[in-house]
N, C-alpha and C. Protein backbone atom coordinates (compact mmCIF):
# COMPACT_ATOMS: atom_id res chain seq x y z
N MET A 1 230.36 58.10 17.08
CA MET A 1 228.93 58.22 17.03
C MET A 1 228.55 59.33 16.05
N ASN A 2 227.60 59.06 15.19
CA ASN A 2 227.13 60.06 14.22
C ASN A 2 226.18 61.03 14.88
N ARG A 3 226.26 62.28 14.43
CA ARG A 3 225.26 63.27 14.86
C ARG A 3 224.46 63.66 13.64
N TRP A 4 223.17 63.75 13.84
CA TRP A 4 222.25 64.07 12.76
C TRP A 4 221.55 65.39 13.09
N ASN A 5 221.09 66.04 12.06
CA ASN A 5 220.31 67.26 12.25
C ASN A 5 218.83 66.95 12.03
N TYR A 6 218.01 67.68 12.75
CA TYR A 6 216.57 67.51 12.67
C TYR A 6 215.91 68.88 12.61
N LEU A 7 214.94 69.01 11.73
CA LEU A 7 214.12 70.21 11.65
C LEU A 7 212.92 70.00 12.58
N VAL A 8 212.68 70.97 13.44
CA VAL A 8 211.55 70.91 14.35
C VAL A 8 210.61 72.06 13.98
N ILE A 9 209.36 71.73 13.72
CA ILE A 9 208.34 72.74 13.40
C ILE A 9 207.38 72.78 14.58
N LEU A 10 207.28 73.95 15.20
CA LEU A 10 206.43 74.14 16.37
C LEU A 10 205.19 74.94 15.99
N ARG A 11 204.06 74.50 16.53
CA ARG A 11 202.80 75.21 16.31
C ARG A 11 202.08 75.34 17.65
N PRO A 12 201.41 76.48 17.88
CA PRO A 12 200.64 76.60 19.12
C PRO A 12 199.44 75.67 19.10
N THR A 13 199.10 75.11 20.25
CA THR A 13 197.92 74.25 20.31
C THR A 13 196.64 75.07 20.37
N ARG A 14 196.76 76.30 20.81
CA ARG A 14 195.60 77.20 20.90
C ARG A 14 195.91 78.42 20.01
N VAL A 15 195.29 78.48 18.85
CA VAL A 15 195.60 79.53 17.88
C VAL A 15 195.32 80.92 18.45
N GLU A 16 194.40 81.02 19.39
CA GLU A 16 194.10 82.31 20.01
C GLU A 16 195.30 82.87 20.77
N MET A 17 196.25 82.02 21.11
CA MET A 17 197.47 82.50 21.75
C MET A 17 198.14 83.54 20.85
N LEU A 18 198.01 83.36 19.54
CA LEU A 18 198.61 84.29 18.58
C LEU A 18 197.64 85.37 18.11
N THR A 19 196.39 84.98 17.90
CA THR A 19 195.45 85.92 17.30
C THR A 19 194.80 86.85 18.31
N VAL A 20 194.64 86.39 19.56
CA VAL A 20 194.00 87.20 20.60
C VAL A 20 195.03 87.61 21.65
N GLY A 21 195.86 86.68 22.06
CA GLY A 21 196.89 86.92 23.05
C GLY A 21 197.04 85.72 23.97
N PRO A 22 198.22 85.57 24.55
CA PRO A 22 198.46 84.41 25.40
C PRO A 22 197.84 84.57 26.79
N THR A 23 197.53 83.45 27.40
CA THR A 23 197.10 83.45 28.80
C THR A 23 198.34 83.63 29.67
N ASP A 24 198.13 83.88 30.94
CA ASP A 24 199.26 84.01 31.87
C ASP A 24 200.08 82.72 31.89
N GLU A 25 199.40 81.58 31.87
CA GLU A 25 200.10 80.30 31.87
C GLU A 25 200.93 80.14 30.61
N GLU A 26 200.38 80.51 29.45
CA GLU A 26 201.13 80.41 28.20
C GLU A 26 202.35 81.31 28.22
N VAL A 27 202.23 82.51 28.76
CA VAL A 27 203.37 83.42 28.87
C VAL A 27 204.47 82.75 29.69
N SER A 28 204.10 82.16 30.81
CA SER A 28 205.06 81.50 31.69
C SER A 28 205.72 80.31 31.00
N VAL A 29 204.93 79.48 30.34
CA VAL A 29 205.47 78.30 29.67
C VAL A 29 206.37 78.68 28.50
N VAL A 30 205.99 79.70 27.75
CA VAL A 30 206.82 80.14 26.62
C VAL A 30 208.16 80.69 27.15
N ALA A 31 208.16 81.34 28.29
CA ALA A 31 209.42 81.79 28.89
C ALA A 31 210.30 80.59 29.26
N GLU A 32 209.69 79.55 29.81
CA GLU A 32 210.43 78.32 30.12
C GLU A 32 210.96 77.67 28.84
N HIS A 33 210.14 77.67 27.80
CA HIS A 33 210.53 77.13 26.49
C HIS A 33 211.74 77.87 25.95
N PHE A 34 211.72 79.20 26.05
CA PHE A 34 212.84 80.00 25.55
C PHE A 34 214.12 79.69 26.33
N ALA A 35 214.00 79.59 27.65
CA ALA A 35 215.17 79.25 28.48
C ALA A 35 215.69 77.86 28.13
N TYR A 36 214.80 76.92 27.87
CA TYR A 36 215.21 75.57 27.47
C TYR A 36 215.97 75.62 26.14
N CYS A 37 215.44 76.37 25.19
CA CYS A 37 216.12 76.51 23.89
C CYS A 37 217.50 77.14 24.06
N GLN A 38 217.59 78.15 24.91
CA GLN A 38 218.89 78.78 25.17
C GLN A 38 219.88 77.75 25.72
N SER A 39 219.42 76.89 26.61
CA SER A 39 220.33 75.88 27.17
C SER A 39 220.77 74.89 26.10
N LEU A 40 219.86 74.52 25.20
CA LEU A 40 220.24 73.61 24.11
C LEU A 40 221.25 74.26 23.18
N VAL A 41 221.09 75.56 22.91
CA VAL A 41 222.06 76.28 22.08
C VAL A 41 223.42 76.28 22.76
N SER A 42 223.47 76.58 24.04
CA SER A 42 224.76 76.64 24.73
C SER A 42 225.43 75.27 24.82
N GLU A 43 224.64 74.20 24.79
CA GLU A 43 225.18 72.84 24.80
C GLU A 43 225.53 72.33 23.41
N GLY A 44 225.25 73.13 22.38
CA GLY A 44 225.52 72.71 21.00
C GLY A 44 224.50 71.72 20.46
N LYS A 45 223.35 71.60 21.11
CA LYS A 45 222.32 70.67 20.66
C LYS A 45 221.27 71.33 19.77
N MET A 46 221.22 72.66 19.80
CA MET A 46 220.32 73.40 18.93
C MET A 46 221.16 74.37 18.12
N LEU A 47 221.03 74.29 16.80
CA LEU A 47 221.83 75.11 15.91
C LEU A 47 221.20 76.47 15.65
N LEU A 48 219.88 76.51 15.61
CA LEU A 48 219.16 77.76 15.42
C LEU A 48 217.73 77.58 15.85
N ALA A 49 217.09 78.70 16.12
CA ALA A 49 215.67 78.69 16.47
C ALA A 49 215.08 80.05 16.15
N GLY A 50 213.82 80.07 15.81
CA GLY A 50 213.13 81.31 15.53
C GLY A 50 211.69 81.03 15.17
N ARG A 51 211.00 82.09 14.82
CA ARG A 51 209.59 81.93 14.45
C ARG A 51 209.24 82.90 13.34
N THR A 52 208.20 82.57 12.64
CA THR A 52 207.70 83.51 11.66
C THR A 52 207.10 84.69 12.42
N VAL A 53 207.04 85.84 11.78
CA VAL A 53 206.63 87.06 12.44
C VAL A 53 205.15 87.31 12.17
N GLY A 54 204.47 87.73 13.19
CA GLY A 54 203.06 88.09 13.04
C GLY A 54 202.20 87.36 14.04
N THR A 55 200.92 87.62 13.95
CA THR A 55 199.96 86.99 14.85
C THR A 55 198.95 86.15 14.09
N LEU A 56 199.32 85.76 12.92
CA LEU A 56 198.42 84.96 12.10
C LEU A 56 198.37 83.53 12.60
N SER A 57 197.30 82.85 12.31
CA SER A 57 197.16 81.47 12.76
C SER A 57 198.17 80.55 12.09
N GLU A 58 198.80 81.00 11.01
CA GLU A 58 199.79 80.18 10.30
C GLU A 58 201.20 80.33 10.88
N THR A 59 201.36 81.17 11.88
CA THR A 59 202.68 81.40 12.47
C THR A 59 203.25 80.09 13.01
N ILE A 60 204.53 79.85 12.72
CA ILE A 60 205.20 78.65 13.22
C ILE A 60 206.55 79.03 13.81
N GLY A 61 207.04 78.17 14.65
CA GLY A 61 208.41 78.26 15.12
C GLY A 61 209.21 77.16 14.46
N ILE A 62 210.48 77.42 14.21
CA ILE A 62 211.34 76.37 13.67
C ILE A 62 212.64 76.32 14.47
N ALA A 63 213.20 75.15 14.50
CA ALA A 63 214.50 74.96 15.13
C ALA A 63 215.21 73.86 14.37
N ILE A 64 216.52 73.91 14.38
CA ILE A 64 217.33 72.80 13.88
C ILE A 64 218.14 72.31 15.06
N ILE A 65 217.94 71.04 15.38
CA ILE A 65 218.64 70.44 16.51
C ILE A 65 219.59 69.36 16.01
N ALA A 66 220.59 69.07 16.81
CA ALA A 66 221.56 68.01 16.50
C ALA A 66 221.39 66.93 17.56
N ALA A 67 221.32 65.69 17.12
CA ALA A 67 221.16 64.57 18.05
C ALA A 67 221.82 63.33 17.45
N ASP A 68 222.07 62.36 18.31
CA ASP A 68 222.74 61.13 17.87
C ASP A 68 221.80 60.13 17.22
N SER A 69 220.49 60.32 17.37
CA SER A 69 219.52 59.38 16.81
C SER A 69 218.15 60.03 16.76
N ASP A 70 217.24 59.38 16.05
CA ASP A 70 215.86 59.85 16.01
C ASP A 70 215.28 59.90 17.43
N GLU A 71 215.58 58.88 18.22
CA GLU A 71 215.06 58.81 19.58
C GLU A 71 215.61 59.95 20.44
N ALA A 72 216.89 60.24 20.30
CA ALA A 72 217.50 61.34 21.07
C ALA A 72 216.90 62.68 20.66
N ALA A 73 216.62 62.87 19.38
CA ALA A 73 215.98 64.10 18.92
C ALA A 73 214.58 64.21 19.51
N GLN A 74 213.84 63.11 19.50
CA GLN A 74 212.50 63.11 20.06
C GLN A 74 212.53 63.41 21.55
N ASP A 75 213.53 62.87 22.25
CA ASP A 75 213.68 63.14 23.69
C ASP A 75 213.92 64.62 23.95
N LEU A 76 214.78 65.26 23.13
CA LEU A 76 215.02 66.70 23.31
C LEU A 76 213.73 67.49 23.15
N VAL A 77 212.95 67.14 22.16
CA VAL A 77 211.69 67.84 21.91
C VAL A 77 210.69 67.55 23.03
N ASN A 78 210.62 66.30 23.45
CA ASN A 78 209.66 65.93 24.50
C ASN A 78 209.94 66.63 25.83
N CYS A 79 211.19 67.02 26.07
CA CYS A 79 211.57 67.71 27.31
C CYS A 79 211.31 69.21 27.26
N ASP A 80 210.93 69.73 26.12
CA ASP A 80 210.63 71.15 25.97
C ASP A 80 209.39 71.48 26.80
N PRO A 81 209.48 72.47 27.69
CA PRO A 81 208.31 72.83 28.50
C PRO A 81 207.06 73.14 27.68
N ALA A 82 207.21 73.73 26.50
CA ALA A 82 206.04 74.04 25.67
C ALA A 82 205.33 72.77 25.21
N ILE A 83 206.09 71.70 25.01
CA ILE A 83 205.50 70.42 24.63
C ILE A 83 204.94 69.73 25.88
N LEU A 84 205.72 69.72 26.95
CA LEU A 84 205.29 69.08 28.20
C LEU A 84 203.97 69.64 28.72
N HIS A 85 203.79 70.95 28.58
CA HIS A 85 202.59 71.61 29.10
C HIS A 85 201.49 71.78 28.05
N GLY A 86 201.70 71.23 26.85
CA GLY A 86 200.67 71.26 25.82
C GLY A 86 200.41 72.61 25.20
N VAL A 87 201.36 73.53 25.31
CA VAL A 87 201.20 74.86 24.71
C VAL A 87 201.53 74.82 23.22
N MET A 88 202.42 73.91 22.83
CA MET A 88 202.81 73.76 21.42
C MET A 88 202.85 72.29 21.05
N THR A 89 202.74 72.05 19.76
CA THR A 89 202.99 70.72 19.21
C THR A 89 204.27 70.80 18.39
N ALA A 90 204.90 69.67 18.17
CA ALA A 90 206.15 69.66 17.41
C ALA A 90 206.13 68.54 16.38
N GLU A 91 206.60 68.86 15.21
CA GLU A 91 206.82 67.89 14.14
C GLU A 91 208.32 67.85 13.91
N ILE A 92 208.88 66.65 13.86
CA ILE A 92 210.33 66.49 13.69
C ILE A 92 210.60 65.76 12.39
N GLN A 93 211.56 66.27 11.63
CA GLN A 93 211.98 65.62 10.39
C GLN A 93 213.49 65.63 10.31
N PRO A 94 214.10 64.52 9.87
CA PRO A 94 215.55 64.55 9.64
C PRO A 94 215.85 65.66 8.63
N TYR A 95 216.97 66.33 8.83
CA TYR A 95 217.30 67.50 8.03
C TYR A 95 218.76 67.44 7.62
N ARG A 96 219.02 67.59 6.34
CA ARG A 96 220.40 67.61 5.86
C ARG A 96 220.78 69.04 5.53
N LEU A 97 221.70 69.59 6.29
CA LEU A 97 222.19 70.94 6.07
C LEU A 97 223.14 70.92 4.87
N ALA A 98 222.81 71.67 3.83
CA ALA A 98 223.61 71.67 2.61
C ALA A 98 224.56 72.86 2.55
N LEU A 99 224.09 74.02 2.96
CA LEU A 99 224.90 75.23 2.92
C LEU A 99 224.74 75.98 4.24
N PHE A 100 225.79 76.64 4.65
CA PHE A 100 225.75 77.38 5.90
C PHE A 100 226.71 78.56 5.80
N SER A 101 226.24 79.73 6.14
CA SER A 101 227.08 80.92 6.14
C SER A 101 227.74 81.07 7.50
N GLU A 102 229.03 81.22 7.51
CA GLU A 102 229.73 81.45 8.77
C GLU A 102 229.68 82.92 9.17
N ASN A 103 229.19 83.77 8.29
CA ASN A 103 229.09 85.19 8.57
C ASN A 103 227.71 85.69 8.19
N PRO A 104 226.67 85.23 8.91
CA PRO A 104 225.31 85.65 8.54
C PRO A 104 225.07 87.12 8.84
N HIS A 105 224.24 87.73 8.05
CA HIS A 105 223.84 89.12 8.26
C HIS A 105 222.48 89.11 8.89
N ARG A 106 222.34 89.88 9.94
CA ARG A 106 221.07 89.94 10.63
C ARG A 106 220.52 91.34 10.50
N ILE A 107 219.26 91.41 10.12
CA ILE A 107 218.58 92.70 10.02
C ILE A 107 217.83 92.90 11.31
N GLU A 108 218.15 93.98 12.00
CA GLU A 108 217.50 94.28 13.28
C GLU A 108 216.12 94.85 13.02
N GLU A 109 215.20 94.55 13.92
CA GLU A 109 213.86 95.12 13.83
C GLU A 109 213.93 96.61 14.14
N VAL A 110 213.14 97.36 13.44
CA VAL A 110 213.09 98.81 13.64
C VAL A 110 212.00 99.13 14.63
């Protein structure tokens, strides 16, 4: 069975979540979303995840997931608590990984 990579672009459904601050429900759902992403990483279904930094309305989250089909990728995204509870929207595109560093350098926040 072939495994494919998919780029997932996440956006908040309520821009004020970023510009003003999240509601208590959004805080709870985003915590569930993070735990879900952690589980996908540990299962080898998510290769990376992160978000742009800041509180601007243009802030997005991105992830690269691995799935056996377009439908399987959509199912992974549909099961994300942030999508289930309408806190975020997701756009999925097939993604071909061309280069990958096995020794990435990470700059820690100061």
